[in-house]
């Protein structure tokens, strides 16, 4: 939900900014476009995430079948962390461009 709210706030704020300010925020907007975060209904649906389901089933077979839901949730978490890491790097890049060099 936080990822989606950040995306909405950025798009709303970009509507009222000047062109040079929008140009500096474009790398962040590009991250939201390139790495969309699915809604929770899609994330929890194992039929829409067959790769994650397969990896969870494999992990469950190797360790314990009761751990399959745990592995599935860990896969969701890793996907979200990857997207947030890319977003964080984009934000740091924009901050470094904007801030004066010391």
N, C-alpha and C. Protein backbone atom coordinates (compact mmCIF):
# COMPACT_ATOMS: atom_id res chain seq x y z
N UNK A 1 0.83 -1.19 0.00
CA UNK A 1 0.00 0.00 0.00
C UNK A 1 0.87 1.25 0.00
N UNK A 2 2.00 1.21 0.71
CA UNK A 2 2.87 2.38 0.75
C UNK A 2 3.44 2.69 -0.62
N UNK A 3 3.81 1.66 -1.36
CA UNK A 3 4.36 1.85 -2.70
C UNK A 3 3.33 2.52 -3.60
N UNK A 4 2.08 2.07 -3.53
CA UNK A 4 1.02 2.66 -4.34
C UNK A 4 0.72 4.09 -3.92
N UNK A 5 0.74 4.37 -2.62
CA UNK A 5 0.48 5.74 -2.17
C UNK A 5 1.61 6.68 -2.56
N UNK A 6 2.86 6.19 -2.55
CA UNK A 6 3.97 7.03 -3.01
C UNK A 6 3.82 7.35 -4.49
N UNK A 7 3.40 6.36 -5.27
CA UNK A 7 3.20 6.58 -6.70
C UNK A 7 2.09 7.60 -6.94
N UNK A 8 0.99 7.51 -6.20
CA UNK A 8 -0.10 8.46 -6.36
C UNK A 8 0.31 9.86 -5.95
N UNK A 9 1.03 9.99 -4.85
CA UNK A 9 1.48 11.31 -4.40
C UNK A 9 2.44 11.94 -5.40
N UNK A 10 3.32 11.13 -5.98
CA UNK A 10 4.25 11.66 -6.97
C UNK A 10 3.51 12.14 -8.21
N UNK A 11 2.55 11.36 -8.68
CA UNK A 11 1.82 11.77 -9.89
C UNK A 11 0.99 13.02 -9.64
N UNK A 12 0.39 13.14 -8.46
CA UNK A 12 -0.38 14.34 -8.13
C UNK A 12 0.52 15.57 -8.02
N UNK A 13 1.67 15.40 -7.40
CA UNK A 13 2.57 16.54 -7.22
C UNK A 13 3.21 16.97 -8.54
N UNK A 14 3.43 16.02 -9.45
CA UNK A 14 4.04 16.36 -10.74
C UNK A 14 3.10 17.19 -11.61
N UNK A 15 1.80 17.11 -11.35
CA UNK A 15 0.83 17.91 -12.11
C UNK A 15 1.00 19.40 -11.85
N UNK A 16 1.42 19.76 -10.66
CA UNK A 16 1.50 21.18 -10.30
C UNK A 16 2.92 21.75 -10.36
N UNK A 17 3.89 20.95 -10.79
CA UNK A 17 5.28 21.42 -10.84
C UNK A 17 5.62 22.01 -12.19
N UNK A 18 6.72 22.76 -12.21
CA UNK A 18 7.22 23.32 -13.46
C UNK A 18 8.01 22.25 -14.21
N UNK A 19 8.29 22.53 -15.49
CA UNK A 19 8.91 21.52 -16.36
C UNK A 19 10.29 21.10 -15.87
N UNK A 20 11.12 22.03 -15.40
CA UNK A 20 12.45 21.64 -14.94
C UNK A 20 12.39 20.81 -13.67
N UNK A 21 11.38 21.02 -12.83
CA UNK A 21 11.20 20.20 -11.63
C UNK A 21 10.71 18.80 -11.99
N UNK A 22 9.84 18.74 -12.98
CA UNK A 22 9.34 17.45 -13.45
C UNK A 22 10.48 16.64 -14.05
N UNK A 23 11.36 17.31 -14.78
CA UNK A 23 12.49 16.62 -15.41
C UNK A 23 13.40 15.97 -14.37
N UNK A 24 13.55 16.62 -13.21
CA UNK A 24 14.40 16.04 -12.18
C UNK A 24 13.74 14.85 -11.48
N UNK A 25 12.41 14.79 -11.51
CA UNK A 25 11.69 13.69 -10.86
C UNK A 25 11.38 12.53 -11.81
N UNK A 26 11.70 12.69 -13.08
CA UNK A 26 11.39 11.63 -14.05
C UNK A 26 12.04 10.28 -13.75
N UNK A 27 13.29 10.22 -13.23
CA UNK A 27 13.86 8.90 -12.90
C UNK A 27 13.04 8.14 -11.86
N UNK A 28 12.44 8.87 -10.92
CA UNK A 28 11.61 8.22 -9.90
C UNK A 28 10.32 7.73 -10.53
N UNK A 29 9.72 8.55 -11.38
CA UNK A 29 8.49 8.14 -12.06
C UNK A 29 8.75 6.95 -12.98
N UNK A 30 9.94 6.88 -13.56
CA UNK A 30 10.28 5.76 -14.43
C UNK A 30 10.35 4.46 -13.64
N UNK A 31 10.81 4.52 -12.39
CA UNK A 31 10.86 3.32 -11.56
C UNK A 31 9.44 2.80 -11.32
N UNK A 32 8.51 3.70 -11.03
CA UNK A 32 7.13 3.27 -10.82
C UNK A 32 6.55 2.65 -12.08
N UNK A 33 6.95 3.16 -13.24
CA UNK A 33 6.43 2.62 -14.50
C UNK A 33 7.08 1.27 -14.85
N UNK A 34 8.37 1.13 -14.61
CA UNK A 34 9.09 -0.08 -14.98
C UNK A 34 8.91 -1.23 -13.99
N UNK A 35 8.71 -0.91 -12.73
CA UNK A 35 8.58 -1.93 -11.68
C UNK A 35 7.24 -1.77 -10.97
N UNK A 36 6.16 -2.11 -11.64
CA UNK A 36 4.85 -1.95 -10.98
C UNK A 36 4.69 -2.96 -9.86
N UNK A 37 4.06 -2.52 -8.81
CA UNK A 37 3.79 -3.38 -7.67
C UNK A 37 2.35 -3.88 -7.81
N UNK A 38 2.16 -5.19 -7.90
CA UNK A 38 0.79 -5.69 -8.04
C UNK A 38 0.01 -5.48 -6.75
N UNK A 39 -1.31 -5.42 -6.88
CA UNK A 39 -2.14 -5.28 -5.69
C UNK A 39 -2.09 -6.59 -4.90
N UNK A 40 -2.52 -6.55 -3.66
CA UNK A 40 -2.43 -7.73 -2.81
C UNK A 40 -3.28 -8.89 -3.32
N UNK A 41 -4.40 -8.58 -3.97
CA UNK A 41 -5.23 -9.66 -4.51
C UNK A 41 -4.47 -10.46 -5.57
N UNK A 42 -3.67 -9.78 -6.37
CA UNK A 42 -2.84 -10.47 -7.36
C UNK A 42 -1.66 -11.17 -6.71
N UNK A 43 -1.06 -10.54 -5.74
CA UNK A 43 0.12 -11.11 -5.09
C UNK A 43 -0.21 -12.40 -4.35
N UNK A 44 -1.38 -12.45 -3.72
CA UNK A 44 -1.76 -13.64 -2.97
C UNK A 44 -2.31 -14.76 -3.84
N UNK A 45 -2.62 -14.47 -5.09
CA UNK A 45 -3.20 -15.47 -5.97
C UNK A 45 -2.09 -16.36 -6.55
N UNK A 46 -2.03 -17.63 -6.14
CA UNK A 46 -0.94 -18.49 -6.63
C UNK A 46 -1.05 -18.82 -8.11
N UNK A 47 -2.24 -18.69 -8.70
CA UNK A 47 -2.40 -18.98 -10.12
C UNK A 47 -1.90 -17.84 -11.01
N UNK A 48 -1.78 -16.64 -10.46
CA UNK A 48 -1.24 -15.51 -11.21
C UNK A 48 0.27 -15.38 -11.03
N UNK A 49 0.82 -16.14 -10.10
CA UNK A 49 2.25 -16.11 -9.80
C UNK A 49 2.80 -17.52 -9.85
N UNK A 50 2.76 -18.12 -11.02
CA UNK A 50 3.13 -19.52 -11.15
C UNK A 50 4.60 -19.78 -10.83
N UNK A 51 5.47 -18.84 -11.18
CA UNK A 51 6.89 -19.02 -10.89
C UNK A 51 7.12 -19.06 -9.37
N UNK A 52 6.51 -18.13 -8.66
CA UNK A 52 6.66 -18.10 -7.20
C UNK A 52 6.02 -19.34 -6.57
N UNK A 53 4.89 -19.78 -7.12
CA UNK A 53 4.22 -20.97 -6.61
C UNK A 53 5.09 -22.20 -6.81
N UNK A 54 5.72 -22.30 -7.99
CA UNK A 54 6.60 -23.43 -8.26
C UNK A 54 7.80 -23.46 -7.35
N UNK A 55 8.41 -22.31 -7.13
CA UNK A 55 9.56 -22.26 -6.23
C UNK A 55 9.15 -22.59 -4.79
N UNK A 56 7.97 -22.14 -4.39
CA UNK A 56 7.48 -22.45 -3.04
C UNK A 56 7.21 -23.94 -2.90
N UNK A 57 6.63 -24.54 -3.94
CA UNK A 57 6.35 -25.97 -3.89
C UNK A 57 7.66 -26.76 -3.83
N UNK A 58 8.65 -26.35 -4.61
CA UNK A 58 9.95 -27.02 -4.59
C UNK A 58 10.60 -26.91 -3.21
N UNK A 59 10.56 -25.73 -2.64
CA UNK A 59 11.10 -25.55 -1.28
C UNK A 59 10.34 -26.37 -0.26
N UNK A 60 9.02 -26.44 -0.44
CA UNK A 60 8.22 -27.25 0.46
C UNK A 60 8.54 -28.73 0.35
N UNK A 61 8.80 -29.18 -0.88
CA UNK A 61 9.16 -30.59 -1.06
C UNK A 61 10.53 -30.91 -0.48
N UNK A 62 11.46 -29.97 -0.61
CA UNK A 62 12.81 -30.20 -0.12
C UNK A 62 12.91 -30.14 1.40
N UNK A 63 12.15 -29.26 2.01
CA UNK A 63 12.28 -29.07 3.46
C UNK A 63 11.08 -29.68 4.20
N UNK A 64 9.91 -29.10 3.97
CA UNK A 64 8.71 -29.55 4.66
C UNK A 64 7.51 -29.00 3.89
N UNK A 65 6.57 -29.83 3.47
CA UNK A 65 5.42 -29.34 2.70
C UNK A 65 4.60 -28.28 3.42
N UNK A 66 4.62 -28.28 4.73
CA UNK A 66 3.86 -27.27 5.47
C UNK A 66 4.49 -25.88 5.38
N UNK A 67 5.71 -25.81 4.90
CA UNK A 67 6.39 -24.53 4.77
C UNK A 67 6.09 -23.83 3.45
N UNK A 68 5.36 -24.45 2.56
CA UNK A 68 5.09 -23.86 1.26
C UNK A 68 4.47 -22.45 1.37
N UNK A 69 3.46 -22.23 2.24
CA UNK A 69 2.93 -20.86 2.36
C UNK A 69 3.98 -19.86 2.87
N UNK A 70 4.86 -20.34 3.72
CA UNK A 70 5.92 -19.45 4.23
C UNK A 70 6.86 -19.05 3.10
N UNK A 71 7.24 -20.02 2.28
CA UNK A 71 8.10 -19.71 1.14
C UNK A 71 7.41 -18.79 0.15
N UNK A 72 6.10 -18.97 -0.03
CA UNK A 72 5.34 -18.11 -0.95
C UNK A 72 5.37 -16.66 -0.45
N UNK A 73 5.14 -16.49 0.85
CA UNK A 73 5.16 -15.13 1.44
C UNK A 73 6.56 -14.53 1.38
N UNK A 74 7.58 -15.36 1.57
CA UNK A 74 8.95 -14.85 1.47
C UNK A 74 9.24 -14.39 0.04
N UNK A 75 8.71 -15.09 -0.95
CA UNK A 75 8.87 -14.67 -2.34
C UNK A 75 8.20 -13.34 -2.60
N UNK A 76 7.01 -13.14 -2.01
CA UNK A 76 6.33 -11.84 -2.13
C UNK A 76 7.18 -10.73 -1.52
N UNK A 77 7.71 -11.00 -0.33
CA UNK A 77 8.52 -10.01 0.38
C UNK A 77 9.78 -9.66 -0.41
N UNK A 78 10.44 -10.67 -0.99
CA UNK A 78 11.65 -10.40 -1.75
C UNK A 78 11.36 -9.56 -2.99
N UNK A 79 10.23 -9.81 -3.64
CA UNK A 79 9.85 -9.02 -4.81
C UNK A 79 9.61 -7.56 -4.41
N UNK A 80 8.90 -7.36 -3.30
CA UNK A 80 8.64 -6.00 -2.83
C UNK A 80 9.93 -5.30 -2.43
N UNK A 81 10.84 -6.01 -1.75
CA UNK A 81 12.10 -5.42 -1.34
C UNK A 81 12.95 -5.03 -2.54
N UNK A 82 12.93 -5.84 -3.60
CA UNK A 82 13.68 -5.53 -4.81
C UNK A 82 13.15 -4.23 -5.42
N UNK A 83 11.82 -4.10 -5.52
CA UNK A 83 11.24 -2.88 -6.08
C UNK A 83 11.55 -1.66 -5.22
N UNK A 84 11.49 -1.81 -3.91
CA UNK A 84 11.80 -0.69 -3.03
C UNK A 84 13.27 -0.31 -3.09
N UNK A 85 14.15 -1.29 -3.29
CA UNK A 85 15.58 -0.99 -3.44
C UNK A 85 15.85 -0.20 -4.70
N UNK A 86 15.19 -0.56 -5.79
CA UNK A 86 15.36 0.19 -7.05
C UNK A 86 14.83 1.61 -6.87
N UNK A 87 13.68 1.75 -6.20
CA UNK A 87 13.11 3.07 -5.95
C UNK A 87 14.04 3.90 -5.07
N UNK A 88 14.61 3.29 -4.06
CA UNK A 88 15.53 3.99 -3.16
C UNK A 88 16.76 4.50 -3.90
N UNK A 89 17.32 3.67 -4.79
CA UNK A 89 18.48 4.10 -5.58
C UNK A 89 18.12 5.27 -6.50
N UNK A 90 16.92 5.25 -7.06
CA UNK A 90 16.48 6.36 -7.92
C UNK A 90 16.32 7.64 -7.11
N UNK A 91 15.78 7.52 -5.92
CA UNK A 91 15.59 8.70 -5.07
C UNK A 91 16.95 9.26 -4.65
N UNK A 92 17.87 8.40 -4.29
CA UNK A 92 19.21 8.86 -3.91
C UNK A 92 19.89 9.55 -5.09
N UNK A 93 19.73 9.00 -6.29
CA UNK A 93 20.30 9.64 -7.48
C UNK A 93 19.75 11.02 -7.72
N UNK A 94 18.44 11.19 -7.53
CA UNK A 94 17.81 12.51 -7.71
C UNK A 94 18.29 13.45 -6.63
N UNK A 95 18.39 12.98 -5.41
CA UNK A 95 18.88 13.83 -4.31
C UNK A 95 20.30 14.30 -4.57
N UNK A 96 21.15 13.42 -5.10
CA UNK A 96 22.53 13.80 -5.36
C UNK A 96 22.62 14.82 -6.49
N UNK A 97 21.74 14.75 -7.46
CA UNK A 97 21.73 15.73 -8.55
C UNK A 97 21.25 17.09 -8.06
N UNK A 98 20.28 17.08 -7.15
CA UNK A 98 19.68 18.34 -6.69
C UNK A 98 20.54 19.03 -5.64
N UNK A 99 21.11 18.26 -4.70
CA UNK A 99 21.85 18.87 -3.60
C UNK A 99 23.17 19.44 -4.08
N UNK A 100 23.60 20.54 -3.47
CA UNK A 100 24.90 21.12 -3.85
C UNK A 100 26.03 20.22 -3.38
N UNK A 101 27.06 20.17 -4.18
CA UNK A 101 28.22 19.32 -3.85
C UNK A 101 29.06 20.00 -2.77
N UNK A 102 29.54 19.19 -1.85
CA UNK A 102 30.33 19.73 -0.74
C UNK A 102 31.79 19.63 -1.04
